[in-house]
Amino acid sequence: MSQLKTSFIQSITQALDESVFTKQDFIMTLPKTGKALIRLTFAHKPEYILECSESMIEETFTATPPPFLMTSNERKYHGLDIEFAPGEYKLREHLMLSELGDLPRTISRWCNYIKEDLYALAPKVDPLQELRIKFEEDIVGALDDPEGFFTPAEIEVITERINVLVQTIEEQQEDASISKQHMAEIKASFEECKKSASAYSKGMWSRVTSNRLIQMLGQFIKPTKERKILLDQTIRFIDETVVHETLPHKVSKQSALTKV
């Protein structure tokens, strides 16, 4: 027979049922004797466990009652140790409960830690990873002088193309449901791209700019016509300006627009 009352065990199973899981997702072990009172094992991932045990805690303290005679006293009491994995921040954590009635709430929090850990372990699909790989390969093969720097004429072309692209995005802002804050972030990203063109080598600028703009493209991966248009235009800008570096001659604003 379990050391815990049936009514208290029911409060524990209720805590499991009210979590994102159910009691059927756990194996409950109730030792009849010993320090361990209950052990819960997540059935689908046995390394996820919670165990509550009793322990005898001894404390020694010094009292100084009148007439100022120091005496040493000992106090013994039962403590409740909880070991659980995963924890809130660590793979395995430990805490002490002041009373057994706090155990169901602790179990509820532990169920949330399990859910968070499972979510974090799930494979992440990066829709832009293939694009990153493609651009990285193209950049390596396209730059004839990656350690060199852009000429003033090339920087002017880059700046002109960026300005046109930003203007195009602004014109589509409302239709593409881009917030003012998001638009400000986009502009800041492009401003940094323009400034860094005169400071970074061609190879460094190409990689940094590709990474920055590809990250920004992630904001546009939505099933809407307007965002798809902006996505295609920004990809084209990276492909022609960053990857293939078509910057030998100064271009007019009209020709710059055709390139993005």
C-alpha atoms as a PDB file:
ATOM      1  CA  MET A   1       0.000   0.000   0.000  1.00  0.00           C
ATOM      2  CA  SER A   2       1.250   3.488  -0.860  1.00  0.00           C
ATOM      3  CA  GLN A   3       2.494   5.782   1.867  1.00  0.00           C
ATOM      4  CA  LEU A   4       0.355   8.546   0.342  1.00  0.00           C
ATOM      5  CA  LYS A   5      -3.394   8.838   0.879  1.00  0.00           C
ATOM      6  CA  THR A   6      -5.652   7.916  -2.010  1.00  0.00           C
ATOM      7  CA  SER A   7      -7.204  11.392  -2.040  1.00  0.00           C
ATOM      8  CA  PHE A   8      -3.774  13.011  -2.346  1.00  0.00           C
ATOM      9  CA  ILE A   9      -2.784  10.649  -5.163  1.00  0.00           C
ATOM     10  CA  GLN A  10      -5.954  11.732  -6.950  1.00  0.00           C
ATOM     11  CA  SER A  11      -4.870  15.376  -6.665  1.00  0.00           C
ATOM     12  CA  ILE A  12      -1.593  14.407  -8.331  1.00  0.00           C
ATOM     13  CA  THR A  13      -3.316  12.596 -11.211  1.00  0.00           C
ATOM     14  CA  GLN A  14      -5.607  15.607 -11.574  1.00  0.00           C
ATOM     15  CA  ALA A  15      -2.546  17.862 -11.908  1.00  0.00           C
ATOM     16  CA  LEU A  16      -1.261  15.601 -14.680  1.00  0.00           C
ATOM     17  CA  ASP A  17      -4.627  15.607 -16.482  1.00  0.00           C
ATOM     18  CA  GLU A  18      -4.861  19.396 -16.265  1.00  0.00           C
ATOM     19  CA  SER A  19      -1.415  19.824 -17.814  1.00  0.00           C
ATOM     20  CA  VAL A  20      -0.688  19.566 -21.551  1.00  0.00           C
ATOM     21  CA  PHE A  21      -0.451  15.796 -20.963  1.00  0.00           C
ATOM     22  CA  THR A  22      -2.620  13.246 -19.180  1.00  0.00           C
ATOM     23  CA  LYS A  23      -1.969  10.725 -16.446  1.00  0.00           C
ATOM     24  CA  GLN A  24      -1.711   8.062 -19.163  1.00  0.00           C
ATOM     25  CA  ASP A  25       1.498   9.743 -20.365  1.00  0.00           C
ATOM     26  CA  PHE A  26       3.224   8.971 -17.069  1.00  0.00           C
ATOM     27  CA  ILE A  27       4.225   5.912 -15.108  1.00  0.00           C
ATOM     28  CA  MET A  28       3.520   6.450 -11.428  1.00  0.00           C
ATOM     29  CA  THR A  29       5.473   4.462  -8.880  1.00  0.00           C
ATOM     30  CA  LEU A  30       4.356   4.547  -5.234  1.00  0.00           C
ATOM     31  CA  PRO A  31       6.836   2.780  -2.937  1.00  0.00           C
ATOM     32  CA  LYS A  32       5.281   1.136   0.101  1.00  0.00           C
ATOM     33  CA  THR A  33       8.259   1.777   2.334  1.00  0.00           C
ATOM     34  CA  GLY A  34      11.423   3.839   2.393  1.00  0.00           C
ATOM     35  CA  LYS A  35      12.180   7.511   1.881  1.00  0.00           C
ATOM     36  CA  ALA A  36      10.794   7.766  -1.659  1.00  0.00           C
ATOM     37  CA  LEU A  37       7.120   8.702  -1.648  1.00  0.00           C
ATOM     38  CA  ILE A  38       6.385   8.918  -5.361  1.00  0.00           C
ATOM     39  CA  ARG A  39       8.189   8.688  -8.667  1.00  0.00           C
ATOM     40  CA  LEU A  40       6.780   9.899 -11.976  1.00  0.00           C
ATOM     41  CA  THR A  41       8.311   8.830 -15.276  1.00  0.00           C
ATOM     42  CA  PHE A  42       7.307  10.344 -18.605  1.00  0.00           C
ATOM     43  CA  ALA A  43       6.335   7.235 -20.550  1.00  0.00           C
ATOM     44  CA  HIS A  44       7.494   8.529 -23.939  1.00  0.00           C
ATOM     45  CA  LYS A  45      10.918   9.706 -22.747  1.00  0.00           C
ATOM     46  CA  PRO A  46      12.004   7.795 -19.620  1.00  0.00           C
ATOM     47  CA  GLU A  47      14.823  10.198 -18.772  1.00  0.00           C
ATOM     48  CA  TYR A  48      12.155  12.720 -17.806  1.00  0.00           C
ATOM     49  CA  ILE A  49      11.459  11.914 -14.176  1.00  0.00           C
ATOM     50  CA  LEU A  50      10.246  13.494 -10.967  1.00  0.00           C
ATOM     51  CA  GLU A  51      10.833  11.934  -7.564  1.00  0.00           C
ATOM     52  CA  CYS A  52       9.693  13.130  -4.151  1.00  0.00           C
ATOM     53  CA  SER A  53      11.476  11.763  -1.088  1.00  0.00           C
ATOM     54  CA  GLU A  54      11.409  12.407   2.622  1.00  0.00           C
ATOM     55  CA  SER A  55      14.587  13.149   4.486  1.00  0.00           C
ATOM     56  CA  MET A  56      15.401  13.818   8.088  1.00  0.00           C
ATOM     57  CA  ILE A  57      17.079  17.181   8.504  1.00  0.00           C
ATOM     58  CA  GLU A  58      19.147  17.909  11.580  1.00  0.00           C
ATOM     59  CA  GLU A  59      20.024  21.448  12.562  1.00  0.00           C
ATOM     60  CA  THR A  60      22.308  22.542  15.335  1.00  0.00           C
ATOM     61  CA  PHE A  61      21.893  26.009  16.771  1.00  0.00           C
ATOM     62  CA  THR A  62      23.271  27.869  19.745  1.00  0.00           C
ATOM     63  CA  ALA A  63      21.030  29.582  22.270  1.00  0.00           C
ATOM     64  CA  THR A  64      22.108  32.083  24.913  1.00  0.00           C
ATOM     65  CA  PRO A  65      19.427  32.287  27.556  1.00  0.00           C
ATOM     66  CA  PRO A  66      19.972  34.162  30.818  1.00  0.00           C
ATOM     67  CA  PRO A  67      22.278  34.202  32.628  1.00  0.00           C
ATOM     68  CA  PHE A  68      24.252  34.221  29.346  1.00  0.00           C
ATOM     69  CA  LEU A  69      25.095  30.575  29.248  1.00  0.00           C
ATOM     70  CA  MET A  70      25.631  29.293  25.717  1.00  0.00           C
ATOM     71  CA  THR A  71      23.891  26.008  25.012  1.00  0.00           C
ATOM     72  CA  SER A  72      23.893  23.899  21.901  1.00  0.00           C
ATOM     73  CA  ASN A  73      20.570  22.509  20.717  1.00  0.00           C
ATOM     74  CA  GLU A  74      19.589  20.187  17.929  1.00  0.00           C
ATOM     75  CA  ARG A  75      16.397  20.213  15.917  1.00  0.00           C
ATOM     76  CA  LYS A  76      15.201  17.409  13.698  1.00  0.00           C
ATOM     77  CA  TYR A  77      12.406  17.598  11.146  1.00  0.00           C
ATOM     78  CA  HIS A  78      11.239  15.944   7.978  1.00  0.00           C
ATOM     79  CA  GLY A  79      12.168  17.587   4.684  1.00  0.00           C
ATOM     80  CA  LEU A  80      10.732  16.941   1.253  1.00  0.00           C
ATOM     81  CA  ASP A  81      13.287  16.623  -1.548  1.00  0.00           C
ATOM     82  CA  ILE A  82      12.187  16.890  -5.166  1.00  0.00           C
ATOM     83  CA  GLU A  83      14.475  15.765  -7.991  1.00  0.00           C
ATOM     84  CA  PHE A  84      13.208  16.363 -11.501  1.00  0.00           C
ATOM     85  CA  ALA A  85      14.390  16.332 -15.086  1.00  0.00           C
ATOM     86  CA  PRO A  86      14.175  18.390 -17.130  1.00  0.00           C
ATOM     87  CA  GLY A  87      14.377  21.437 -14.925  1.00  0.00           C
ATOM     88  CA  GLU A  88      13.464  25.012 -15.611  1.00  0.00           C
ATOM     89  CA  TYR A  89      17.020  25.945 -16.592  1.00  0.00           C
ATOM     90  CA  LYS A  90      19.139  22.809 -16.106  1.00  0.00           C
ATOM     91  CA  LEU A  91      18.814  19.262 -17.335  1.00  0.00           C
ATOM     92  CA  ARG A  92      18.224  18.138 -13.746  1.00  0.00           C
ATOM     93  CA  GLU A  93      17.214  20.267 -10.795  1.00  0.00           C
ATOM     94  CA  HIS A  94      16.502  19.868  -7.093  1.00  0.00           C
ATOM     95  CA  LEU A  95      14.280  21.737  -4.710  1.00  0.00           C
ATOM     96  CA  MET A  96      12.848  21.316  -1.220  1.00  0.00           C
ATOM     97  CA  LEU A  97       9.171  21.664  -0.446  1.00  0.00           C
ATOM     98  CA  SER A  98       7.935  23.104   2.805  1.00  0.00           C
ATOM     99  CA  GLU A  99       4.872  20.876   2.722  1.00  0.00           C
ATOM    100  CA  LEU A 100       3.640  17.922   0.717  1.00  0.00           C
ATOM    101  CA  GLY A 101       0.570  19.853  -0.395  1.00  0.00           C
ATOM    102  CA  ASP A 102       2.800  21.861  -2.759  1.00  0.00           C
ATOM    103  CA  LEU A 103       3.664  18.755  -4.788  1.00  0.00           C
ATOM    104  CA  PRO A 104       0.761  18.931  -7.331  1.00  0.00           C
ATOM    105  CA  ARG A 105       1.709  22.513  -8.272  1.00  0.00           C
ATOM    106  CA  THR A 106       5.327  21.465  -8.631  1.00  0.00           C
ATOM    107  CA  ILE A 107       4.263  18.607 -10.902  1.00  0.00           C
ATOM    108  CA  SER A 108       2.265  21.044 -13.057  1.00  0.00           C
ATOM    109  CA  ARG A 109       5.353  23.220 -13.546  1.00  0.00           C
ATOM    110  CA  TRP A 110       7.440  20.137 -14.337  1.00  0.00           C
ATOM    111  CA  CYS A 111       4.977  19.175 -17.083  1.00  0.00           C
ATOM    112  CA  ASN A 112       5.543  22.611 -18.636  1.00  0.00           C
ATOM    113  CA  TYR A 113       9.310  22.052 -18.516  1.00  0.00           C
ATOM    114  CA  ILE A 114       8.813  18.766 -20.375  1.00  0.00           C
ATOM    115  CA  LYS A 115       6.707  20.483 -23.033  1.00  0.00           C
ATOM    116  CA  GLU A 116       9.280  23.286 -23.463  1.00  0.00           C
ATOM    117  CA  ASP A 117      12.101  20.763 -23.781  1.00  0.00           C
ATOM    118  CA  LEU A 118      10.246  18.688 -26.370  1.00  0.00           C
ATOM    119  CA  TYR A 119       9.463  21.803 -28.392  1.00  0.00           C
ATOM    120  CA  ALA A 120      13.116  22.833 -28.271  1.00  0.00           C
ATOM    121  CA  LEU A 121      14.249  19.386 -29.430  1.00  0.00           C
ATOM    122  CA  ALA A 122      11.959  19.390 -32.445  1.00  0.00           C
ATOM    123  CA  PRO A 123      13.782  19.844 -35.760  1.00  0.00           C
ATOM    124  CA  LYS A 124      13.647  23.401 -36.990  1.00  0.00           C
ATOM    125  CA  VAL A 125      12.863  23.994 -40.637  1.00  0.00           C
ATOM    126  CA  ASP A 126      14.685  27.028 -42.001  1.00  0.00           C
ATOM    127  CA  PRO A 127      13.033  28.004 -45.298  1.00  0.00           C
ATOM    128  CA  LEU A 128      15.997  30.238 -46.137  1.00  0.00           C
ATOM    129  CA  GLN A 129      18.775  27.736 -45.473  1.00  0.00           C
ATOM    130  CA  GLU A 130      18.909  26.616 -49.102  1.00  0.00           C
ATOM    131  CA  LEU A 131      19.123  30.258 -50.152  1.00  0.00           C
ATOM    132  CA  ARG A 132      21.991  30.876 -47.708  1.00  0.00           C
ATOM    133  CA  ILE A 133      23.936  27.896 -49.051  1.00  0.00           C
ATOM    134  CA  LYS A 134      23.366  28.971 -52.656  1.00  0.00           C
ATOM    135  CA  PHE A 135      24.536  32.534 -52.044  1.00  0.00           C
ATOM    136  CA  GLU A 136      27.562  31.398 -50.040  1.00  0.00           C
ATOM    137  CA  GLU A 137      28.643  29.107 -52.881  1.00  0.00           C
ATOM    138  CA  ASP A 138      28.011  31.803 -55.484  1.00  0.00           C
ATOM    139  CA  ILE A 139      29.901  34.464 -53.530  1.00  0.00           C
ATOM    140  CA  VAL A 140      32.950  32.256 -53.192  1.00  0.00           C
ATOM    141  CA  GLY A 141      33.025  31.660 -56.941  1.00  0.00           C
ATOM    142  CA  ALA A 142      32.062  35.137 -58.113  1.00  0.00           C
ATOM    143  CA  LEU A 143      34.441  37.492 -56.318  1.00  0.00           C
ATOM    144  CA  ASP A 144      37.685  38.005 -58.204  1.00  0.00           C
ATOM    145  CA  ASP A 145      39.189  40.212 -55.484  1.00  0.00           C
ATOM    146  CA  PRO A 146      37.455  39.455 -52.157  1.00  0.00           C
ATOM    147  CA  GLU A 147      40.127  41.322 -50.178  1.00  0.00           C
ATOM    148  CA  GLY A 148      39.788  44.450 -52.298  1.00  0.00           C
ATOM    149  CA  PHE A 149      37.463  47.382 -51.658  1.00  0.00           C
ATOM    150  CA  PHE A 150      34.680  48.901 -53.700  1.00  0.00           C
ATOM    151  CA  THR A 151      35.484  51.983 -55.738  1.00  0.00           C
ATOM    152  CA  PRO A 152      33.488  55.197 -55.147  1.00  0.00           C
ATOM    153  CA  ALA A 153      31.589  54.543 -58.388  1.00  0.00           C
ATOM    154  CA  GLU A 154      30.653  51.038 -57.250  1.00  0.00           C
ATOM    155  CA  ILE A 155      29.540  52.330 -53.851  1.00  0.00           C
ATOM    156  CA  GLU A 156      27.342  54.880 -55.606  1.00  0.00           C
ATOM    157  CA  VAL A 157      25.695  52.102 -57.615  1.00  0.00           C
ATOM    158  CA  ILE A 158      25.165  50.006 -54.480  1.00  0.00           C
ATOM    159  CA  THR A 159      23.642  52.990 -52.664  1.00  0.00           C
ATOM    160  CA  GLU A 160      21.378  53.754 -55.606  1.00  0.00           C
ATOM    161  CA  ARG A 161      20.116  50.197 -55.854  1.00  0.00           C
ATOM    162  CA  ILE A 162      19.465  50.008 -52.126  1.00  0.00           C
ATOM    163  CA  ASN A 163      17.532  53.286 -52.194  1.00  0.00           C
ATOM    164  CA  VAL A 164      15.330  52.018 -55.008  1.00  0.00           C
ATOM    165  CA  LEU A 165      14.715  48.738 -53.215  1.00  0.00           C
ATOM    166  CA  VAL A 166      13.790  50.518 -49.971  1.00  0.00           C
ATOM    167  CA  GLN A 167      11.431  52.794 -51.893  1.00  0.00           C
ATOM    168  CA  THR A 168       9.768  49.758 -53.469  1.00  0.00           C
ATOM    169  CA  ILE A 169       9.309  48.130 -50.072  1.00  0.00           C
ATOM    170  CA  GLU A 170       7.856  51.344 -48.644  1.00  0.00           C
ATOM    171  CA  GLU A 171       5.342  51.513 -51.456  1.00  0.00           C
ATOM    172  CA  GLN A 172       4.230  47.969 -50.641  1.00  0.00           C
ATOM    173  CA  GLN A 173       4.297  48.499 -46.863  1.00  0.00           C
ATOM    174  CA  GLU A 174       0.566  48.681 -46.328  1.00  0.00           C
ATOM    175  CA  ASP A 175      -0.358  45.906 -48.759  1.00  0.00           C
ATOM    176  CA  ALA A 176       2.342  43.652 -47.298  1.00  0.00           C
ATOM    177  CA  SER A 177       1.166  44.370 -43.732  1.00  0.00           C
ATOM    178  CA  ILE A 178       4.542  45.656 -42.626  1.00  0.00           C
ATOM    179  CA  SER A 179       4.298  47.547 -39.347  1.00  0.00           C
ATOM    180  CA  LYS A 180       5.944  50.946 -38.816  1.00  0.00           C
ATOM    181  CA  GLN A 181       8.369  49.419 -36.350  1.00  0.00           C
ATOM    182  CA  HIS A 182       9.249  46.651 -38.774  1.00  0.00           C
ATOM    183  CA  MET A 183       9.704  49.167 -41.579  1.00  0.00           C
ATOM    184  CA  ALA A 184      12.069  51.182 -39.382  1.00  0.00           C
ATOM    185  CA  GLU A 185      14.119  48.021 -38.767  1.00  0.00           C
ATOM    186  CA  ILE A 186      14.249  47.303 -42.498  1.00  0.00           C
ATOM    187  CA  LYS A 187      15.465  50.838 -43.252  1.00  0.00           C
ATOM    188  CA  ALA A 188      18.102  50.582 -40.529  1.00  0.00           C
ATOM    189  CA  SER A 189      19.358  47.316 -42.032  1.00  0.00           C
ATOM    190  CA  PHE A 190      19.684  48.866 -45.477  1.00  0.00           C
ATOM    191  CA  GLU A 191      21.382  51.986 -44.088  1.00  0.00           C
ATOM    192  CA  GLU A 192      23.985  49.777 -42.462  1.00  0.00           C
ATOM    193  CA  CYS A 193      24.472  47.964 -45.777  1.00  0.00           C
ATOM    194  CA  LYS A 194      25.195  51.303 -47.480  1.00  0.00           C
ATOM    195  CA  LYS A 195      27.613  52.492 -44.786  1.00  0.00           C
ATOM    196  CA  SER A 196      29.521  49.232 -44.594  1.00  0.00           C
ATOM    197  CA  ALA A 197      30.121  49.162 -48.379  1.00  0.00           C
ATOM    198  CA  SER A 198      32.876  51.755 -47.934  1.00  0.00           C
ATOM    199  CA  ALA A 199      34.351  50.118 -44.835  1.00  0.00           C
ATOM    200  CA  TYR A 200      34.370  46.380 -45.533  1.00  0.00           C
ATOM    201  CA  SER A 201      36.294  44.456 -48.125  1.00  0.00           C
ATOM    202  CA  LYS A 202      34.223  43.123 -51.027  1.00  0.00           C
ATOM    203  CA  GLY A 203      34.205  39.587 -49.665  1.00  0.00           C
ATOM    204  CA  MET A 204      33.254  40.616 -46.138  1.00  0.00           C
ATOM    205  CA  TRP A 205      30.593  43.066 -47.328  1.00  0.00           C
ATOM    206  CA  SER A 206      29.048  40.470 -49.628  1.00  0.00           C
ATOM    207  CA  ARG A 207      28.739  37.880 -46.871  1.00  0.00           C
ATOM    208  CA  VAL A 208      27.572  40.279 -44.163  1.00  0.00           C
ATOM    209  CA  THR A 209      25.039  41.885 -46.491  1.00  0.00           C
ATOM    210  CA  SER A 210      23.709  38.536 -47.681  1.00  0.00           C
ATOM    211  CA  ASN A 211      23.306  37.341 -44.091  1.00  0.00           C
ATOM    212  CA  ARG A 212      21.578  40.577 -43.045  1.00  0.00           C
ATOM    213  CA  LEU A 213      19.165  40.662 -45.975  1.00  0.00           C
ATOM    214  CA  ILE A 214      18.403  36.943 -45.885  1.00  0.00           C
ATOM    215  CA  GLN A 215      17.511  37.318 -42.220  1.00  0.00           C
ATOM    216  CA  MET A 216      15.254  40.196 -43.177  1.00  0.00           C
ATOM    217  CA  LEU A 217      13.656  38.046 -45.889  1.00  0.00           C
ATOM    218  CA  GLY A 218      12.480  35.736 -43.143  1.00  0.00           C
ATOM    219  CA  GLN A 219      10.010  38.457 -42.211  1.00  0.00           C
ATOM    220  CA  PHE A 220       8.476  38.168 -45.670  1.00  0.00           C
ATOM    221  CA  ILE A 221       7.981  34.405 -45.863  1.00  0.00           C
ATOM    222  CA  LYS A 222       4.212  34.649 -45.815  1.00  0.00           C
ATOM    223  CA  PRO A 223       1.678  33.307 -48.317  1.00  0.00           C
ATOM    224  CA  THR A 224       0.713  36.717 -49.660  1.00  0.00           C
ATOM    225  CA  LYS A 225       1.209  38.142 -53.124  1.00  0.00           C
ATOM    226  CA  GLU A 226       2.755  41.401 -51.931  1.00  0.00           C
ATOM    227  CA  ARG A 227       5.324  39.781 -49.659  1.00  0.00           C
ATOM    228  CA  LYS A 228       6.269  37.343 -52.427  1.00  0.00           C
ATOM    229  CA  ILE A 229       6.960  40.295 -54.726  1.00  0.00           C
ATOM    230  CA  LEU A 230       9.216  41.953 -52.141  1.00  0.00           C
ATOM    231  CA  LEU A 231      10.937  38.665 -51.466  1.00  0.00           C
ATOM    232  CA  ASP A 232      11.707  38.171 -55.161  1.00  0.00           C
ATOM    233  CA  GLN A 233      12.983  41.739 -55.526  1.00  0.00           C
ATOM    234  CA  THR A 234      15.275  41.492 -52.524  1.00  0.00           C
ATOM    235  CA  ILE A 235      16.625  38.126 -53.674  1.00  0.00           C
ATOM    236  CA  ARG A 236      17.311  39.648 -57.073  1.00  0.00           C
ATOM    237  CA  PHE A 237      19.161  42.534 -55.429  1.00  0.00           C
ATOM    238  CA  ILE A 238      21.385  40.103 -53.505  1.00  0.00           C
ATOM    239  CA  ASP A 239      21.897  37.906 -56.553  1.00  0.00           C
ATOM    240  CA  GLU A 240      22.919  40.759 -58.877  1.00  0.00           C
ATOM    241  CA  THR A 241      24.644  43.161 -56.500  1.00  0.00           C
ATOM    242  CA  VAL A 242      26.118  40.906 -53.839  1.00  0.00           C
ATOM    243  CA  VAL A 243      26.671  37.615 -55.610  1.00  0.00           C
ATOM    244  CA  HIS A 244      27.408  38.491 -59.213  1.00  0.00           C
ATOM    245  CA  GLU A 245      28.620  41.984 -58.364  1.00  0.00           C
ATOM    246  CA  THR A 246      27.427  43.685 -61.552  1.00  0.00           C
ATOM    247  CA  LEU A 247      28.989  47.024 -60.621  1.00  0.00           C
ATOM    248  CA  PRO A 248      31.510  47.966 -63.315  1.00  0.00           C
ATOM    249  CA  HIS A 249      29.670  51.091 -64.472  1.00  0.00           C
ATOM    250  CA  LYS A 250      27.604  53.808 -62.888  1.00  0.00           C
ATOM    251  CA  VAL A 251      23.899  53.338 -63.595  1.00  0.00           C
ATOM    252  CA  SER A 252      20.995  55.751 -63.633  1.00  0.00           C
ATOM    253  CA  LYS A 253      18.093  55.486 -61.197  1.00  0.00           C
ATOM    254  CA  GLN A 254      15.929  54.087 -63.973  1.00  0.00           C
ATOM    255  CA  SER A 255      18.402  51.326 -64.815  1.00  0.00           C
ATOM    256  CA  ALA A 256      18.899  50.620 -61.130  1.00  0.00           C
ATOM    257  CA  LEU A 257      15.176  50.065 -60.788  1.00  0.00           C
ATOM    258  CA  THR A 258      15.221  47.484 -63.548  1.00  0.00           C
ATOM    259  CA  LYS A 259      17.911  45.563 -61.719  1.00  0.00           C
ATOM    260  CA  VAL A 260      15.915  45.128 -58.536  1.00  0.00           C
END
